[in-house]
Amino acid sequence: MSQCNALLEQWDKAERRLILCDYDGTLTPLVRSPERARPTREVLGLLRRLGGEPGVDLAIVSGRDRTTMDEWFHDLPVALIAEHGAWSSDSPSGSSPR
């Protein structure tokens, strides 16, 4: 069994899944001017869909400040980890992303 197939099999069997996504350079390209790295509608839609999946806890991790992260993602079913881990929100499921 390939590593990818084994991973998919474990994913299917899991009751809960935790996904941690870095923001800059992963969910959005790195840019010279950080204020230009706003999430696109497509990214927001994908995060909404993934975070809304049953049994999935999704957290977005960033070195950005909590105000910016909350402004961009406040209405999504995700936990936020900002300021290089110094601040985190609760996940929508009520469990801690840590």
N, C-alpha and C. Protein backbone atom coordinates (compact mmCIF):
# COMPACT_ATOMS: atom_id res chain seq x y z
N MET A 1 0.86 -1.18 0.00
CA MET A 1 0.00 0.00 0.00
C MET A 1 0.90 1.24 0.00
N SER A 2 0.58 2.17 -0.86
CA SER A 2 1.38 3.39 -0.92
C SER A 2 1.16 4.23 0.33
N GLN A 3 2.10 5.11 0.58
CA GLN A 3 2.00 6.01 1.73
C GLN A 3 0.75 6.88 1.64
N CYS A 4 0.43 7.33 0.44
CA CYS A 4 -0.76 8.16 0.23
C CYS A 4 -2.03 7.37 0.53
N ASN A 5 -2.11 6.15 0.05
CA ASN A 5 -3.28 5.31 0.32
C ASN A 5 -3.42 5.01 1.80
N ALA A 6 -2.29 4.76 2.46
CA ALA A 6 -2.32 4.49 3.91
C ALA A 6 -2.84 5.72 4.66
N LEU A 7 -2.39 6.89 4.25
CA LEU A 7 -2.85 8.12 4.88
C LEU A 7 -4.35 8.32 4.67
N LEU A 8 -4.83 8.10 3.45
CA LEU A 8 -6.26 8.24 3.16
C LEU A 8 -7.09 7.23 3.96
N GLU A 9 -6.58 6.03 4.12
CA GLU A 9 -7.28 5.01 4.89
C GLU A 9 -7.38 5.43 6.36
N GLN A 10 -6.30 5.95 6.92
CA GLN A 10 -6.33 6.43 8.30
C GLN A 10 -7.27 7.62 8.45
N TRP A 11 -7.29 8.50 7.47
CA TRP A 11 -8.19 9.66 7.48
C TRP A 11 -9.64 9.19 7.54
N ASP A 12 -9.98 8.22 6.70
CA ASP A 12 -11.35 7.71 6.65
C ASP A 12 -11.76 7.04 7.96
N LYS A 13 -10.83 6.40 8.63
CA LYS A 13 -11.14 5.68 9.88
C LYS A 13 -11.22 6.60 11.10
N ALA A 14 -10.61 7.75 11.03
CA ALA A 14 -10.53 8.65 12.19
C ALA A 14 -11.90 9.24 12.52
N GLU A 15 -12.20 9.33 13.82
CA GLU A 15 -13.43 9.99 14.25
C GLU A 15 -13.26 11.51 14.22
N ARG A 16 -12.07 11.98 14.55
CA ARG A 16 -11.78 13.42 14.54
C ARG A 16 -10.45 13.63 13.85
N ARG A 17 -10.35 14.78 13.20
CA ARG A 17 -9.13 15.12 12.48
C ARG A 17 -8.75 16.56 12.80
N LEU A 18 -7.49 16.81 13.04
CA LEU A 18 -6.98 18.15 13.29
C LEU A 18 -6.11 18.55 12.11
N ILE A 19 -6.45 19.69 11.51
CA ILE A 19 -5.66 20.21 10.40
C ILE A 19 -5.15 21.59 10.80
N LEU A 20 -3.84 21.77 10.75
CA LEU A 20 -3.20 23.05 11.04
C LEU A 20 -2.66 23.59 9.72
N CYS A 21 -3.11 24.78 9.34
CA CYS A 21 -2.67 25.40 8.08
C CYS A 21 -1.94 26.69 8.38
N ASP A 22 -0.71 26.79 7.90
CA ASP A 22 0.02 28.05 7.99
C ASP A 22 -0.60 29.01 6.99
N TYR A 23 -0.58 30.30 7.32
CA TYR A 23 -1.21 31.27 6.42
C TYR A 23 -0.26 31.76 5.33
N ASP A 24 0.70 32.60 5.69
CA ASP A 24 1.58 33.21 4.69
C ASP A 24 2.50 32.17 4.05
N GLY A 25 2.43 32.09 2.73
CA GLY A 25 3.26 31.15 2.00
C GLY A 25 2.60 29.81 1.78
N THR A 26 1.48 29.56 2.44
CA THR A 26 0.76 28.30 2.27
C THR A 26 -0.64 28.56 1.74
N LEU A 27 -1.44 29.28 2.50
CA LEU A 27 -2.80 29.62 2.04
C LEU A 27 -2.80 30.82 1.12
N THR A 28 -1.74 31.60 1.16
CA THR A 28 -1.59 32.76 0.27
C THR A 28 -0.11 32.87 -0.09
N PRO A 29 0.19 33.35 -1.29
CA PRO A 29 1.60 33.48 -1.66
C PRO A 29 2.32 34.52 -0.80
N LEU A 30 3.62 34.34 -0.64
CA LEU A 30 4.42 35.35 0.05
C LEU A 30 4.51 36.58 -0.85
N VAL A 31 4.31 37.74 -0.25
CA VAL A 31 4.38 39.00 -1.00
C VAL A 31 5.25 39.98 -0.22
N ARG A 32 5.77 40.99 -0.90
CA ARG A 32 6.64 41.98 -0.24
C ARG A 32 5.89 42.80 0.78
N SER A 33 4.65 43.13 0.49
CA SER A 33 3.85 43.98 1.36
C SER A 33 2.78 43.11 2.05
N PRO A 34 2.95 42.79 3.34
CA PRO A 34 2.04 41.86 4.02
C PRO A 34 0.56 42.22 3.94
N GLU A 35 0.23 43.51 3.88
CA GLU A 35 -1.18 43.89 3.80
C GLU A 35 -1.82 43.48 2.48
N ARG A 36 -1.01 43.11 1.49
CA ARG A 36 -1.54 42.67 0.20
C ARG A 36 -1.83 41.17 0.18
N ALA A 37 -1.59 40.49 1.28
CA ALA A 37 -1.76 39.04 1.33
C ALA A 37 -3.11 38.64 1.93
N ARG A 38 -4.15 39.38 1.58
CA ARG A 38 -5.49 39.06 2.07
C ARG A 38 -5.95 37.74 1.45
N PRO A 39 -6.75 36.97 2.18
CA PRO A 39 -7.25 35.71 1.61
C PRO A 39 -8.22 35.97 0.46
N THR A 40 -8.14 35.15 -0.56
CA THR A 40 -9.05 35.27 -1.70
C THR A 40 -10.40 34.64 -1.36
N ARG A 41 -11.39 34.93 -2.16
CA ARG A 41 -12.71 34.30 -1.98
C ARG A 41 -12.60 32.79 -2.08
N GLU A 42 -11.76 32.34 -3.00
CA GLU A 42 -11.58 30.90 -3.19
C GLU A 42 -11.02 30.25 -1.92
N VAL A 43 -9.99 30.86 -1.34
CA VAL A 43 -9.39 30.32 -0.11
C VAL A 43 -10.41 30.34 1.02
N LEU A 44 -11.14 31.45 1.17
CA LEU A 44 -12.16 31.53 2.22
C LEU A 44 -13.23 30.46 2.04
N GLY A 45 -13.64 30.23 0.80
CA GLY A 45 -14.63 29.19 0.53
C GLY A 45 -14.12 27.80 0.87
N LEU A 46 -12.88 27.52 0.51
CA LEU A 46 -12.29 26.21 0.83
C LEU A 46 -12.16 26.01 2.33
N LEU A 47 -11.74 27.06 3.05
CA LEU A 47 -11.61 26.96 4.50
C LEU A 47 -12.97 26.76 5.16
N ARG A 48 -13.98 27.45 4.66
CA ARG A 48 -15.34 27.30 5.20
C ARG A 48 -15.82 25.85 5.00
N ARG A 49 -15.58 25.34 3.81
CA ARG A 49 -16.02 23.97 3.51
C ARG A 49 -15.26 22.94 4.35
N LEU A 50 -13.95 23.07 4.41
CA LEU A 50 -13.13 22.12 5.17
C LEU A 50 -13.42 22.21 6.66
N GLY A 51 -13.51 23.43 7.19
CA GLY A 51 -13.79 23.61 8.61
C GLY A 51 -15.19 23.16 9.01
N GLY A 52 -16.09 23.10 8.04
CA GLY A 52 -17.46 22.66 8.32
C GLY A 52 -17.67 21.17 8.21
N GLU A 53 -16.64 20.44 7.79
CA GLU A 53 -16.76 18.99 7.68
C GLU A 53 -16.91 18.36 9.06
N PRO A 54 -17.82 17.41 9.21
CA PRO A 54 -17.98 16.74 10.51
C PRO A 54 -16.67 16.06 10.93
N GLY A 55 -16.31 16.22 12.18
CA GLY A 55 -15.12 15.57 12.71
C GLY A 55 -13.81 16.26 12.38
N VAL A 56 -13.87 17.43 11.75
CA VAL A 56 -12.65 18.15 11.37
C VAL A 56 -12.51 19.39 12.24
N ASP A 57 -11.37 19.53 12.90
CA ASP A 57 -10.99 20.75 13.60
C ASP A 57 -9.89 21.39 12.77
N LEU A 58 -10.17 22.59 12.28
CA LEU A 58 -9.24 23.30 11.41
C LEU A 58 -8.72 24.53 12.14
N ALA A 59 -7.41 24.71 12.13
CA ALA A 59 -6.79 25.89 12.74
C ALA A 59 -5.88 26.55 11.72
N ILE A 60 -5.93 27.88 11.68
CA ILE A 60 -5.04 28.65 10.83
C ILE A 60 -3.97 29.26 11.73
N VAL A 61 -2.72 28.99 11.38
CA VAL A 61 -1.57 29.41 12.19
C VAL A 61 -0.84 30.53 11.45
N SER A 62 -0.48 31.58 12.20
CA SER A 62 0.21 32.70 11.56
C SER A 62 1.01 33.49 12.58
N GLY A 63 2.00 34.19 12.10
CA GLY A 63 2.72 35.15 12.92
C GLY A 63 2.02 36.50 12.94
N ARG A 64 0.97 36.63 12.16
CA ARG A 64 0.23 37.90 12.10
C ARG A 64 -0.45 38.21 13.42
N ASP A 65 -0.88 39.46 13.55
CA ASP A 65 -1.56 39.87 14.78
C ASP A 65 -2.99 39.34 14.81
N ARG A 66 -3.49 39.17 16.03
CA ARG A 66 -4.83 38.58 16.21
C ARG A 66 -5.93 39.43 15.61
N THR A 67 -5.77 40.75 15.60
CA THR A 67 -6.81 41.62 15.05
C THR A 67 -6.99 41.36 13.55
N THR A 68 -5.89 41.27 12.84
CA THR A 68 -5.96 40.99 11.40
C THR A 68 -6.55 39.61 11.15
N MET A 69 -6.08 38.62 11.88
CA MET A 69 -6.58 37.26 11.69
C MET A 69 -8.07 37.18 11.98
N ASP A 70 -8.50 37.82 13.05
CA ASP A 70 -9.92 37.81 13.39
C ASP A 70 -10.74 38.54 12.33
N GLU A 71 -10.22 39.65 11.83
CA GLU A 71 -10.92 40.40 10.78
C GLU A 71 -11.13 39.53 9.54
N TRP A 72 -10.13 38.78 9.15
CA TRP A 72 -10.21 37.98 7.94
C TRP A 72 -11.02 36.70 8.11
N PHE A 73 -10.96 36.08 9.30
CA PHE A 73 -11.51 34.72 9.44
C PHE A 73 -12.60 34.57 10.49
N HIS A 74 -13.10 35.68 11.05
CA HIS A 74 -14.04 35.61 12.17
C HIS A 74 -15.31 34.82 11.88
N ASP A 75 -15.74 34.77 10.64
CA ASP A 75 -17.00 34.09 10.33
C ASP A 75 -16.80 32.67 9.80
N LEU A 76 -15.59 32.15 9.91
CA LEU A 76 -15.33 30.79 9.44
C LEU A 76 -15.29 29.81 10.61
N PRO A 77 -15.60 28.54 10.34
CA PRO A 77 -15.56 27.52 11.40
C PRO A 77 -14.13 27.02 11.63
N VAL A 78 -13.26 27.93 12.07
CA VAL A 78 -11.84 27.61 12.28
C VAL A 78 -11.36 28.21 13.59
N ALA A 79 -10.32 27.61 14.14
CA ALA A 79 -9.61 28.21 15.27
C ALA A 79 -8.48 29.05 14.68
N LEU A 80 -8.07 30.05 15.40
CA LEU A 80 -6.98 30.91 14.95
C LEU A 80 -5.83 30.84 15.96
N ILE A 81 -4.63 30.71 15.44
CA ILE A 81 -3.42 30.77 16.27
C ILE A 81 -2.57 31.87 15.66
N ALA A 82 -2.45 32.99 16.37
CA ALA A 82 -1.79 34.18 15.83
C ALA A 82 -0.59 34.57 16.69
N GLU A 83 0.12 35.57 16.21
CA GLU A 83 1.25 36.15 16.94
C GLU A 83 2.29 35.09 17.31
N HIS A 84 2.60 34.24 16.34
CA HIS A 84 3.59 33.16 16.50
C HIS A 84 3.23 32.23 17.66
N GLY A 85 1.94 31.98 17.86
CA GLY A 85 1.49 31.06 18.89
C GLY A 85 1.21 31.71 20.23
N ALA A 86 1.45 33.00 20.37
CA ALA A 86 1.22 33.68 21.65
C ALA A 86 -0.27 33.90 21.92
N TRP A 87 -1.12 33.78 20.90
CA TRP A 87 -2.56 33.97 21.07
C TRP A 87 -3.30 32.91 20.26
N SER A 88 -4.36 32.38 20.84
CA SER A 88 -5.20 31.45 20.08
C SER A 88 -6.66 31.63 20.47
N SER A 89 -7.52 31.36 19.52
CA SER A 89 -8.95 31.37 19.76
C SER A 89 -9.40 29.94 19.99
N ASP A 90 -10.57 29.77 20.55
CA ASP A 90 -11.14 28.43 20.66
C ASP A 90 -11.65 28.01 19.30
N SER A 91 -11.60 26.72 19.05
CA SER A 91 -12.16 26.23 17.80
C SER A 91 -13.67 26.20 17.91
N PRO A 92 -14.37 26.23 16.79
CA PRO A 92 -15.83 26.22 16.82
C PRO A 92 -16.41 24.98 17.49
N SER A 93 -15.67 23.87 17.50
CA SER A 93 -16.18 22.65 18.12
C SER A 93 -16.09 22.71 19.64
N GLY A 94 -15.42 23.74 20.15
CA GLY A 94 -15.28 23.88 21.60
C GLY A 94 -14.01 23.28 22.15
N SER A 95 -13.25 22.58 21.31
CA SER A 95 -11.99 22.02 21.77
C SER A 95 -10.87 22.99 21.45
N SER A 96 -9.79 22.87 22.17
CA SER A 96 -8.65 23.74 21.94
C SER A 96 -7.85 23.23 20.76
N PRO A 97 -7.33 24.12 19.90
CA PRO A 97 -6.52 23.66 18.78
C PRO A 97 -5.15 23.17 19.21
N ARG A 98 -4.77 23.41 20.44
CA ARG A 98 -3.43 23.02 20.91
C ARG A 98 -3.36 21.56 21.24
